[in-house]
Amino acid sequence: MDYLSGIWFRFFEPKNEYLCKDSREVFKNCIANSKCYEKTGKFKQCATSDIDIECIPLRKKYSSCKRLAVDRTKDFRSDERTK
């Protein structure tokens, strides 16, 4: 496994591999082709703090997709373990 895929799976990969697949690939390719990644080779840094302006909407789309993937049917207030 190369460095880019190792960082990707560690920090950005959702638990279910089929969720957000399209937006994930587009965001990943945008970062891999960015000026920041060409200069530094640090994927995490280029995806978070030094992100190129054309990748920002793709990151927001991917983040909102991951947020929607969370199961919100559980009500933690009524969970017996939290009392």
C-alpha atoms as a PDB file:
ATOM      1  CA  MET A   1       0.000   0.000   0.000  1.00  0.00           C
ATOM      2  CA  ASP A   2       1.459   3.354  -0.979  1.00  0.00           C
ATOM      3  CA  TYR A   3       1.584   6.402   1.255  1.00  0.00           C
ATOM      4  CA  LEU A   4      -1.402   8.185  -0.310  1.00  0.00           C
ATOM      5  CA  SER A   5      -3.794   5.275   0.081  1.00  0.00           C
ATOM      6  CA  GLY A   6      -2.548   4.594   3.623  1.00  0.00           C
ATOM      7  CA  ILE A   7      -3.282   8.148   4.727  1.00  0.00           C
ATOM      8  CA  TRP A   8      -6.611   8.113   2.898  1.00  0.00           C
ATOM      9  CA  PHE A   9      -7.875   4.944   4.573  1.00  0.00           C
ATOM     10  CA  ARG A  10      -6.659   6.050   7.965  1.00  0.00           C
ATOM     11  CA  PHE A  11      -8.269   9.486   8.100  1.00  0.00           C
ATOM     12  CA  PHE A  12     -10.979   9.829   5.462  1.00  0.00           C
ATOM     13  CA  GLU A  13     -12.406   6.407   4.690  1.00  0.00           C
ATOM     14  CA  PRO A  14     -15.935   5.770   5.956  1.00  0.00           C
ATOM     15  CA  LYS A  15     -16.697   2.441   7.591  1.00  0.00           C
ATOM     16  CA  ASN A  16     -19.027   1.342   4.793  1.00  0.00           C
ATOM     17  CA  GLU A  17     -17.056   1.383   1.552  1.00  0.00           C
ATOM     18  CA  TYR A  18     -20.116   1.947  -0.656  1.00  0.00           C
ATOM     19  CA  LEU A  19     -21.266   5.137   1.034  1.00  0.00           C
ATOM     20  CA  CYS A  20     -20.245   8.359  -0.676  1.00  0.00           C
ATOM     21  CA  LYS A  21     -18.117   6.465  -3.184  1.00  0.00           C
ATOM     22  CA  ASP A  22     -18.439   8.980  -6.023  1.00  0.00           C
ATOM     23  CA  SER A  23     -17.814  12.109  -3.973  1.00  0.00           C
ATOM     24  CA  ARG A  24     -14.909  10.389  -2.197  1.00  0.00           C
ATOM     25  CA  GLU A  25     -13.171   9.532  -5.468  1.00  0.00           C
ATOM     26  CA  VAL A  26     -13.643  13.030  -6.896  1.00  0.00           C
ATOM     27  CA  PHE A  27     -12.265  14.643  -3.719  1.00  0.00           C
ATOM     28  CA  LYS A  28      -9.359  12.207  -3.573  1.00  0.00           C
ATOM     29  CA  ASN A  29      -8.414  12.881  -7.201  1.00  0.00           C
ATOM     30  CA  CYS A  30      -8.657  16.628  -6.686  1.00  0.00           C
ATOM     31  CA  ILE A  31      -6.215  16.490  -3.774  1.00  0.00           C
ATOM     32  CA  ALA A  32      -3.878  14.111  -5.609  1.00  0.00           C
ATOM     33  CA  ASN A  33      -3.720  16.538  -8.561  1.00  0.00           C
ATOM     34  CA  SER A  34      -3.436  19.697  -6.455  1.00  0.00           C
ATOM     35  CA  LYS A  35      -0.445  22.032  -6.379  1.00  0.00           C
ATOM     36  CA  CYS A  36      -0.001  21.438  -2.654  1.00  0.00           C
ATOM     37  CA  TYR A  37       0.337  17.676  -3.062  1.00  0.00           C
ATOM     38  CA  GLU A  38       2.754  18.092  -5.980  1.00  0.00           C
ATOM     39  CA  LYS A  39       4.975  20.338  -3.823  1.00  0.00           C
ATOM     40  CA  THR A  40       4.846  18.603  -0.442  1.00  0.00           C
ATOM     41  CA  GLY A  41       3.492  15.095  -1.027  1.00  0.00           C
ATOM     42  CA  LYS A  42       1.571  15.306   2.272  1.00  0.00           C
ATOM     43  CA  PHE A  43      -1.987  14.213   1.557  1.00  0.00           C
ATOM     44  CA  LYS A  44      -3.517  14.967   4.964  1.00  0.00           C
ATOM     45  CA  GLN A  45      -2.069  18.466   5.096  1.00  0.00           C
ATOM     46  CA  CYS A  46      -3.284  19.220   1.568  1.00  0.00           C
ATOM     47  CA  ALA A  47      -6.764  17.869   2.326  1.00  0.00           C
ATOM     48  CA  THR A  48      -7.227  19.888   5.513  1.00  0.00           C
ATOM     49  CA  SER A  49      -5.177  23.049   6.024  1.00  0.00           C
ATOM     50  CA  ASP A  50      -3.509  23.825   2.666  1.00  0.00           C
ATOM     51  CA  ILE A  51      -6.421  22.782   0.477  1.00  0.00           C
ATOM     52  CA  ASP A  52      -6.632  24.248  -3.032  1.00  0.00           C
ATOM     53  CA  ILE A  53      -9.601  26.476  -3.719  1.00  0.00           C
ATOM     54  CA  GLU A  54     -11.080  24.149  -6.343  1.00  0.00           C
ATOM     55  CA  CYS A  55     -11.142  21.232  -3.854  1.00  0.00           C
ATOM     56  CA  ILE A  56     -13.057  23.047  -1.091  1.00  0.00           C
ATOM     57  CA  PRO A  57     -16.568  22.419  -2.514  1.00  0.00           C
ATOM     58  CA  LEU A  58     -15.657  18.764  -3.068  1.00  0.00           C
ATOM     59  CA  ARG A  59     -14.535  18.410   0.543  1.00  0.00           C
ATOM     60  CA  LYS A  60     -17.788  19.984   1.757  1.00  0.00           C
ATOM     61  CA  LYS A  61     -19.823  17.649  -0.436  1.00  0.00           C
ATOM     62  CA  TYR A  62     -17.922  14.594   0.829  1.00  0.00           C
ATOM     63  CA  SER A  63     -18.208  15.724   4.464  1.00  0.00           C
ATOM     64  CA  SER A  64     -21.946  16.292   4.191  1.00  0.00           C
ATOM     65  CA  CYS A  65     -22.339  12.866   2.574  1.00  0.00           C
ATOM     66  CA  LYS A  66     -20.482  11.242   5.484  1.00  0.00           C
ATOM     67  CA  ARG A  67     -22.627  13.180   7.963  1.00  0.00           C
ATOM     68  CA  LEU A  68     -25.791  11.898   6.306  1.00  0.00           C
ATOM     69  CA  ALA A  69     -24.460   8.341   6.524  1.00  0.00           C
ATOM     70  CA  VAL A  70     -24.557   8.401  10.333  1.00  0.00           C
ATOM     71  CA  ASP A  71     -27.457   6.408  11.741  1.00  0.00           C
ATOM     72  CA  ARG A  72     -29.585   8.956  13.555  1.00  0.00           C
ATOM     73  CA  THR A  73     -32.350   6.566  14.519  1.00  0.00           C
ATOM     74  CA  LYS A  74     -30.745   5.831  17.876  1.00  0.00           C
ATOM     75  CA  ASP A  75     -31.840   8.062  20.694  1.00  0.00           C
ATOM     76  CA  PHE A  76     -28.951   8.173  23.126  1.00  0.00           C
ATOM     77  CA  ARG A  77     -31.014   9.877  25.819  1.00  0.00           C
ATOM     78  CA  SER A  78     -33.159   6.777  26.245  1.00  0.00           C
ATOM     79  CA  ASP A  79     -30.226   4.371  26.257  1.00  0.00           C
ATOM     80  CA  GLU A  80     -29.993   2.476  29.543  1.00  0.00           C
ATOM     81  CA  ARG A  81     -26.189   2.513  29.492  1.00  0.00           C
ATOM     82  CA  THR A  82     -26.054   6.299  29.791  1.00  0.00           C
ATOM     83  CA  LYS A  83     -28.165   6.502  32.960  1.00  0.00           C
END
